PDB file of N, CA and C in Angstrom:
ATOM      1  N   MET A   1      24.125   8.717  23.376  1.00  0.00           N
ATOM      2  CA  MET A   1      22.819   8.195  23.727  1.00  0.00           C
ATOM      3  C   MET A   1      21.914   9.359  24.145  1.00  0.00           C
ATOM      4  N   PRO A   2      20.681   9.364  23.655  1.00  0.00           N
ATOM      5  CA  PRO A   2      19.772  10.457  24.002  1.00  0.00           C
ATOM      6  C   PRO A   2      19.534  10.550  25.498  1.00  0.00           C
ATOM      7  N   LYS A   3      19.453  11.770  25.969  1.00  0.00           N
ATOM      8  CA  LYS A   3      19.254  12.002  27.399  1.00  0.00           C
ATOM      9  C   LYS A   3      17.947  12.729  27.664  1.00  0.00           C
ATOM     10  N   TYR A   4      17.093  12.856  26.651  1.00  0.00           N
ATOM     11  CA  TYR A   4      15.884  13.666  26.810  1.00  0.00           C
ATOM     12  C   TYR A   4      14.938  13.133  27.865  1.00  0.00           C
ATOM     13  N   TYR A   5      15.061  11.887  28.229  1.00  0.00           N
ATOM     14  CA  TYR A   5      14.167  11.303  29.219  1.00  0.00           C
ATOM     15  C   TYR A   5      14.722  11.418  30.625  1.00  0.00           C
ATOM     16  N   GLU A   6      15.964  11.854  30.758  1.00  0.00           N
ATOM     17  CA  GLU A   6      16.579  11.963  32.075  1.00  0.00           C
ATOM     18  C   GLU A   6      16.228  13.309  32.695  1.00  0.00           C
ATOM     19  N   ASP A   7      16.688  13.536  33.897  1.00  0.00           N
ATOM     20  CA  ASP A   7      16.348  14.727  34.683  1.00  0.00           C
ATOM     21  C   ASP A   7      16.659  16.021  33.939  1.00  0.00           C
ATOM     22  N   LYS A   8      15.660  16.538  33.260  1.00  0.00           N
ATOM     23  CA  LYS A   8      15.800  17.797  32.548  1.00  0.00           C
ATOM     24  C   LYS A   8      14.621  18.674  32.885  1.00  0.00           C
ATOM     25  N   GLU A   9      14.859  19.961  32.828  1.00  0.00           N
ATOM     26  CA  GLU A   9      13.771  20.909  33.061  1.00  0.00           C
ATOM     27  C   GLU A   9      12.822  20.881  31.869  1.00  0.00           C
ATOM     28  N   GLU A  10      11.563  21.059  32.152  1.00  0.00           N
ATOM     29  CA  GLU A  10      10.571  21.133  31.087  1.00  0.00           C
ATOM     30  C   GLU A  10      10.626  22.532  30.490  1.00  0.00           C
ATOM     31  N   ASP A  11      10.841  22.610  29.186  1.00  0.00           N
ATOM     32  CA  ASP A  11      10.865  23.926  28.561  1.00  0.00           C
ATOM     33  C   ASP A  11       9.537  24.263  27.900  1.00  0.00           C
ATOM     34  N   GLY A  12       8.628  23.320  27.826  1.00  0.00           N
ATOM     35  CA  GLY A  12       7.299  23.576  27.320  1.00  0.00           C
ATOM     36  C   GLY A  12       7.187  23.659  25.808  1.00  0.00           C
ATOM     37  N   ARG A  13       8.311  23.573  25.106  1.00  0.00           N
ATOM     38  CA  ARG A  13       8.271  23.632  23.650  1.00  0.00           C
ATOM     39  C   ARG A  13       8.158  22.224  23.079  1.00  0.00           C
ATOM     40  N   ALA A  14       7.607  22.142  21.894  1.00  0.00           N
ATOM     41  CA  ALA A  14       7.493  20.855  21.227  1.00  0.00           C
ATOM     42  C   ALA A  14       8.886  20.288  20.977  1.00  0.00           C
ATOM     43  N   CYS A  15       9.067  19.030  21.272  1.00  0.00           N
ATOM     44  CA  CYS A  15      10.329  18.322  21.019  1.00  0.00           C
ATOM     45  C   CYS A  15      11.497  18.934  21.791  1.00  0.00           C
ATOM     46  N   GLY A  16      11.225  19.515  22.938  1.00  0.00           N
ATOM     47  CA  GLY A  16      12.248  20.204  23.719  1.00  0.00           C
ATOM     48  C   GLY A  16      13.382  19.312  24.173  1.00  0.00           C
ATOM     49  N   GLY A  17      13.077  18.078  24.524  1.00  0.00           N
ATOM     50  CA  GLY A  17      14.125  17.164  24.972  1.00  0.00           C
ATOM     51  C   GLY A  17      15.102  16.821  23.870  1.00  0.00           C
ATOM     52  N   VAL A  18      14.580  16.543  22.698  1.00  0.00           N
ATOM     53  CA  VAL A  18      15.441  16.220  21.562  1.00  0.00           C
ATOM     54  C   VAL A  18      16.233  17.456  21.144  1.00  0.00           C
ATOM     55  N   ARG A  19      15.602  18.614  21.214  1.00  0.00           N
ATOM     56  CA  ARG A  19      16.283  19.873  20.899  1.00  0.00           C
ATOM     57  C   ARG A  19      17.486  20.068  21.837  1.00  0.00           C
ATOM     58  N   GLU A  20      17.287  19.814  23.123  1.00  0.00           N
ATOM     59  CA  GLU A  20      18.373  19.960  24.098  1.00  0.00           C
ATOM     60  C   GLU A  20      19.486  18.953  23.842  1.00  0.00           C
ATOM     61  N   ASP A  21      19.120  17.722  23.497  1.00  0.00           N
ATOM     62  CA  ASP A  21      20.137  16.707  23.196  1.00  0.00           C
ATOM     63  C   ASP A  21      20.948  17.097  21.958  1.00  0.00           C
ATOM     64  N   LEU A  22      20.286  17.630  20.950  1.00  0.00           N
ATOM     65  CA  LEU A  22      20.980  18.071  19.743  1.00  0.00           C
ATOM     66  C   LEU A  22      21.937  19.210  20.082  1.00  0.00           C
ATOM     67  N   ARG A  23      21.479  20.131  20.886  1.00  0.00           N
ATOM     68  CA  ARG A  23      22.320  21.252  21.322  1.00  0.00           C
ATOM     69  C   ARG A  23      23.560  20.759  22.062  1.00  0.00           C
ATOM     70  N   GLN A  24      23.357  19.852  23.008  1.00  0.00           N
ATOM     71  CA  GLN A  24      24.483  19.314  23.780  1.00  0.00           C
ATOM     72  C   GLN A  24      25.449  18.537  22.900  1.00  0.00           C
ATOM     73  N   CYS A  25      24.904  17.752  21.980  1.00  0.00           N
ATOM     74  CA  CYS A  25      25.745  16.985  21.061  1.00  0.00           C
ATOM     75  C   CYS A  25      26.649  17.914  20.262  1.00  0.00           C
ATOM     76  N   LEU A  26      26.084  18.987  19.758  1.00  0.00           N
ATOM     77  CA  LEU A  26      26.881  19.931  18.971  1.00  0.00           C
ATOM     78  C   LEU A  26      27.928  20.637  19.822  1.00  0.00           C
ATOM     79  N   LEU A  27      27.544  21.055  21.015  1.00  0.00           N
ATOM     80  CA  LEU A  27      28.488  21.772  21.879  1.00  0.00           C
ATOM     81  C   LEU A  27      29.631  20.890  22.359  1.00  0.00           C
ATOM     82  N   GLU A  28      29.390  19.584  22.445  1.00  0.00           N
ATOM     83  CA  GLU A  28      30.417  18.655  22.912  1.00  0.00           C
ATOM     84  C   GLU A  28      31.158  17.975  21.763  1.00  0.00           C
ATOM     85  N   SER A  29      30.845  18.323  20.530  1.00  0.00           N
ATOM     86  CA  SER A  29      31.473  17.680  19.380  1.00  0.00           C
ATOM     87  C   SER A  29      32.891  18.214  19.181  1.00  0.00           C
ATOM     88  N   PRO A  30      33.771  17.381  18.632  1.00  0.00           N
ATOM     89  CA  PRO A  30      35.138  17.840  18.343  1.00  0.00           C
ATOM     90  C   PRO A  30      35.159  19.019  17.372  1.00  0.00           C
ATOM     91  N   CYS A  31      34.170  19.098  16.535  1.00  0.00           N
ATOM     92  CA  CYS A  31      34.079  20.206  15.576  1.00  0.00           C
ATOM     93  C   CYS A  31      34.044  21.544  16.305  1.00  0.00           C
ATOM     94  N   VAL A  32      33.280  21.635  17.383  1.00  0.00           N
ATOM     95  CA  VAL A  32      33.170  22.874  18.156  1.00  0.00           C
ATOM     96  C   VAL A  32      34.350  23.011  19.111  1.00  0.00           C
ATOM     97  N   LEU A  33      34.648  21.936  19.835  1.00  0.00           N
ATOM     98  CA  LEU A  33      35.678  22.019  20.877  1.00  0.00           C
ATOM     99  C   LEU A  33      37.092  22.139  20.337  1.00  0.00           C
ATOM    100  N   GLN A  34      37.425  21.382  19.309  1.00  0.00           N
ATOM    101  CA  GLN A  34      38.800  21.367  18.829  1.00  0.00           C
ATOM    102  C   GLN A  34      39.031  22.263  17.615  1.00  0.00           C
ATOM    103  N   GLU A  35      38.031  22.331  16.744  1.00  0.00           N
ATOM    104  CA  GLU A  35      38.191  23.123  15.519  1.00  0.00           C
ATOM    105  C   GLU A  35      37.653  24.542  15.677  1.00  0.00           C
ATOM    106  N   ASN A  36      37.032  24.840  16.817  1.00  0.00           N
ATOM    107  CA  ASN A  36      36.508  26.177  17.126  1.00  0.00           C
ATOM    108  C   ASN A  36      35.527  26.711  16.076  1.00  0.00           C
ATOM    109  N   LYS A  37      34.722  25.817  15.530  1.00  0.00           N
ATOM    110  CA  LYS A  37      33.684  26.230  14.583  1.00  0.00           C
ATOM    111  C   LYS A  37      32.395  26.460  15.345  1.00  0.00           C
ATOM    112  N   SER A  38      31.469  27.163  14.723  1.00  0.00           N
ATOM    113  CA  SER A  38      30.180  27.409  15.370  1.00  0.00           C
ATOM    114  C   SER A  38      29.332  26.138  15.308  1.00  0.00           C
ATOM    115  N   PRO A  39      28.424  25.950  16.271  1.00  0.00           N
ATOM    116  CA  PRO A  39      27.536  24.785  16.228  1.00  0.00           C
ATOM    117  C   PRO A  39      26.728  24.728  14.929  1.00  0.00           C
ATOM    118  N   LYS A  40      26.321  25.879  14.432  1.00  0.00           N
ATOM    119  CA  LYS A  40      25.558  25.927  13.181  1.00  0.00           C
ATOM    120  C   LYS A  40      26.386  25.390  12.017  1.00  0.00           C
ATOM    121  N   GLN A  41      27.648  25.773  11.969  1.00  0.00           N
ATOM    122  CA  GLN A  41      28.535  25.317  10.910  1.00  0.00           C
ATOM    123  C   GLN A  41      28.773  23.805  11.031  1.00  0.00           C
ATOM    124  N   CYS A  42      28.931  23.314  12.247  1.00  0.00           N
ATOM    125  CA  CYS A  42      29.140  21.879  12.458  1.00  0.00           C
ATOM    126  C   CYS A  42      27.905  21.084  12.064  1.00  0.00           C
ATOM    127  N   LEU A  43      26.737  21.631  12.325  1.00  0.00           N
ATOM    128  CA  LEU A  43      25.494  20.970  11.933  1.00  0.00           C
ATOM    129  C   LEU A  43      25.417  20.858  10.413  1.00  0.00           C
ATOM    130  N   ARG A  44      25.814  21.897   9.725  1.00  0.00           N
ATOM    131  CA  ARG A  44      25.819  21.882   8.256  1.00  0.00           C
ATOM    132  C   ARG A  44      26.801  20.848   7.711  1.00  0.00           C
ATOM    133  N   GLU A  45      27.886  20.604   8.442  1.00  0.00           N
ATOM    134  CA  GLU A  45      28.905  19.647   8.013  1.00  0.00           C
ATOM    135  C   GLU A  45      28.514  18.207   8.316  1.00  0.00           C
ATOM    136  N   GLY A  46      27.387  18.013   9.007  1.00  0.00           N
ATOM    137  CA  GLY A  46      26.900  16.657   9.221  1.00  0.00           C
ATOM    138  C   GLY A  46      27.128  16.078  10.602  1.00  0.00           C
ATOM    139  N   HIS A  47      27.593  16.871  11.534  1.00  0.00           N
ATOM    140  CA  HIS A  47      27.777  16.375  12.897  1.00  0.00           C
ATOM    141  C   HIS A  47      26.419  16.217  13.575  1.00  0.00           C
ATOM    142  N   CYS A  48      26.286  15.206  14.418  1.00  0.00           N
ATOM    143  CA  CYS A  48      25.051  14.932  15.170  1.00  0.00           C
ATOM    144  C   CYS A  48      23.858  14.718  14.235  1.00  0.00           C
ATOM    145  N   ARG A  49      24.099  14.099  13.102  1.00  0.00           N
ATOM    146  CA  ARG A  49      23.077  13.922  12.075  1.00  0.00           C
ATOM    147  C   ARG A  49      21.873  13.122  12.575  1.00  0.00           C
ATOM    148  N   SER A  50      22.106  12.087  13.376  1.00  0.00           N
ATOM    149  CA  SER A  50      20.979  11.267  13.832  1.00  0.00           C
ATOM    150  C   SER A  50      20.037  12.068  14.729  1.00  0.00           C
ATOM    151  N   LEU A  51      20.581  12.900  15.599  1.00  0.00           N
ATOM    152  CA  LEU A  51      19.731  13.740  16.444  1.00  0.00           C
ATOM    153  C   LEU A  51      19.036  14.825  15.627  1.00  0.00           C
ATOM    154  N   GLN A  52      19.705  15.317  14.605  1.00  0.00           N
ATOM    155  CA  GLN A  52      19.078  16.310  13.743  1.00  0.00           C
ATOM    156  C   GLN A  52      17.877  15.699  13.028  1.00  0.00           C
ATOM    157  N   MET A  53      18.019  14.471  12.543  1.00  0.00           N
ATOM    158  CA  MET A  53      16.917  13.808  11.852  1.00  0.00           C
ATOM    159  C   MET A  53      15.788  13.474  12.828  1.00  0.00           C
ATOM    160  N   THR A  54      16.133  13.082  14.045  1.00  0.00           N
ATOM    161  CA  THR A  54      15.121  12.805  15.065  1.00  0.00           C
ATOM    162  C   THR A  54      14.345  14.069  15.398  1.00  0.00           C
ATOM    163  N   PHE A  55      15.045  15.182  15.536  1.00  0.00           N
ATOM    164  CA  PHE A  55      14.391  16.458  15.829  1.00  0.00           C
ATOM    165  C   PHE A  55      13.472  16.865  14.680  1.00  0.00           C
ATOM    166  N   PHE A  56      13.950  16.696  13.450  1.00  0.00           N
ATOM    167  CA  PHE A  56      13.133  17.024  12.285  1.00  0.00           C
ATOM    168  C   PHE A  56      11.866  16.164  12.253  1.00  0.00           C
ATOM    169  N   ALA A  57      12.016  14.864  12.512  1.00  0.00           N
ATOM    170  CA  ALA A  57      10.865  13.962  12.508  1.00  0.00           C
ATOM    171  C   ALA A  57       9.871  14.335  13.603  1.00  0.00           C
ATOM    172  N   CYS A  58      10.381  14.728  14.763  1.00  0.00           N
ATOM    173  CA  CYS A  58       9.513  15.136  15.863  1.00  0.00           C
ATOM    174  C   CYS A  58       8.724  16.381  15.486  1.00  0.00           C
ATOM    175  N   LYS A  59       9.399  17.377  14.947  1.00  0.00           N
ATOM    176  CA  LYS A  59       8.724  18.608  14.548  1.00  0.00           C
ATOM    177  C   LYS A  59       7.719  18.344  13.431  1.00  0.00           C
ATOM    178  N   ARG A  60       8.086  17.486  12.506  1.00  0.00           N
ATOM    179  CA  ARG A  60       7.194  17.173  11.396  1.00  0.00           C
ATOM    180  C   ARG A  60       5.938  16.459  11.883  1.00  0.00           C
ATOM    181  N   SER A  61       6.080  15.642  12.924  1.00  0.00           N
ATOM    182  CA  SER A  61       4.924  14.914  13.448  1.00  0.00           C
ATOM    183  C   SER A  61       3.925  15.846  14.129  1.00  0.00           C
ATOM    184  N   MET A  62       4.362  17.061  14.441  1.00  0.00           N
ATOM    185  CA  MET A  62       3.489  18.019  15.092  1.00  0.00           C
ATOM    186  C   MET A  62       2.507  18.656  14.106  1.00  0.00           C
ATOM    187  N   VAL A  63       2.791  18.555  12.818  1.00  0.00           N
ATOM    188  CA  VAL A  63       1.930  19.136  11.793  1.00  0.00           C
ATOM    189  C   VAL A  63       0.729  18.214  11.597  1.00  0.00           C
ATOM    190  N   SER A  64      -0.436  18.790  11.667  1.00  0.00           N
ATOM    191  CA  SER A  64      -1.661  18.016  11.514  1.00  0.00           C
ATOM    192  C   SER A  64      -2.059  17.938  10.046  1.00  0.00           C
ATOM    193  N   VAL A  65      -2.393  16.755   9.599  1.00  0.00           N
ATOM    194  CA  VAL A  65      -2.845  16.570   8.222  1.00  0.00           C
ATOM    195  C   VAL A  65      -4.184  17.288   8.009  1.00  0.00           C
ATOM    196  N   ARG A  66      -4.975  17.398   9.045  1.00  0.00           N
ATOM    197  CA  ARG A  66      -6.272  18.066   8.932  1.00  0.00           C
ATOM    198  C   ARG A  66      -6.138  19.543   8.624  1.00  0.00           C
ATOM    199  N   GLY A  67      -4.980  20.130   8.918  1.00  0.00           N
ATOM    200  CA  GLY A  67      -4.774  21.551   8.662  1.00  0.00           C
ATOM    201  C   GLY A  67      -4.380  21.865   7.242  1.00  0.00           C
ATOM    202  N   VAL A  68      -4.144  20.831   6.441  1.00  0.00           N
ATOM    203  CA  VAL A  68      -3.702  21.029   5.080  1.00  0.00           C
ATOM    204  C   VAL A  68      -4.892  20.847   4.141  1.00  0.00           C
ATOM    205  N   PHE A  69      -5.138  21.856   3.326  1.00  0.00           N
ATOM    206  CA  PHE A  69      -6.244  21.790   2.374  1.00  0.00           C
ATOM    207  C   PHE A  69      -5.706  21.738   0.967  1.00  0.00           C
ATOM    208  N   VAL A  70      -6.324  20.948   0.146  1.00  0.00           N
ATOM    209  CA  VAL A  70      -5.903  20.820  -1.249  1.00  0.00           C
ATOM    210  C   VAL A  70      -6.898  21.564  -2.122  1.00  0.00           C
ATOM    211  N   ALA A  71      -6.404  22.480  -2.918  1.00  0.00           N
ATOM    212  CA  ALA A  71      -7.282  23.237  -3.823  1.00  0.00           C
ATOM    213  C   ALA A  71      -7.618  22.369  -5.030  1.00  0.00           C
ATOM    214  N   ARG A  72      -8.862  22.349  -5.394  1.00  0.00           N
ATOM    215  CA  ARG A  72      -9.278  21.563  -6.558  1.00  0.00           C
ATOM    216  C   ARG A  72      -9.840  22.453  -7.616  1.00  0.00           C
TER     217      ARG A  72
END
């Protein structure tokens, strides 16, 4: 369950709470703890996929449509 709304320090970065939850999920996953793989490798293998997608959606929502220009 996401913990980004619970007592956490503000890091000031966009989507910081979800980023921290993704980090914790990876560090506490059996892939890291039991198989001794790196968090990056476990992320590539599909661990914590829902938090990864949430983080991606959060970061994507930060992009403003007004900043994108179409050349004609």
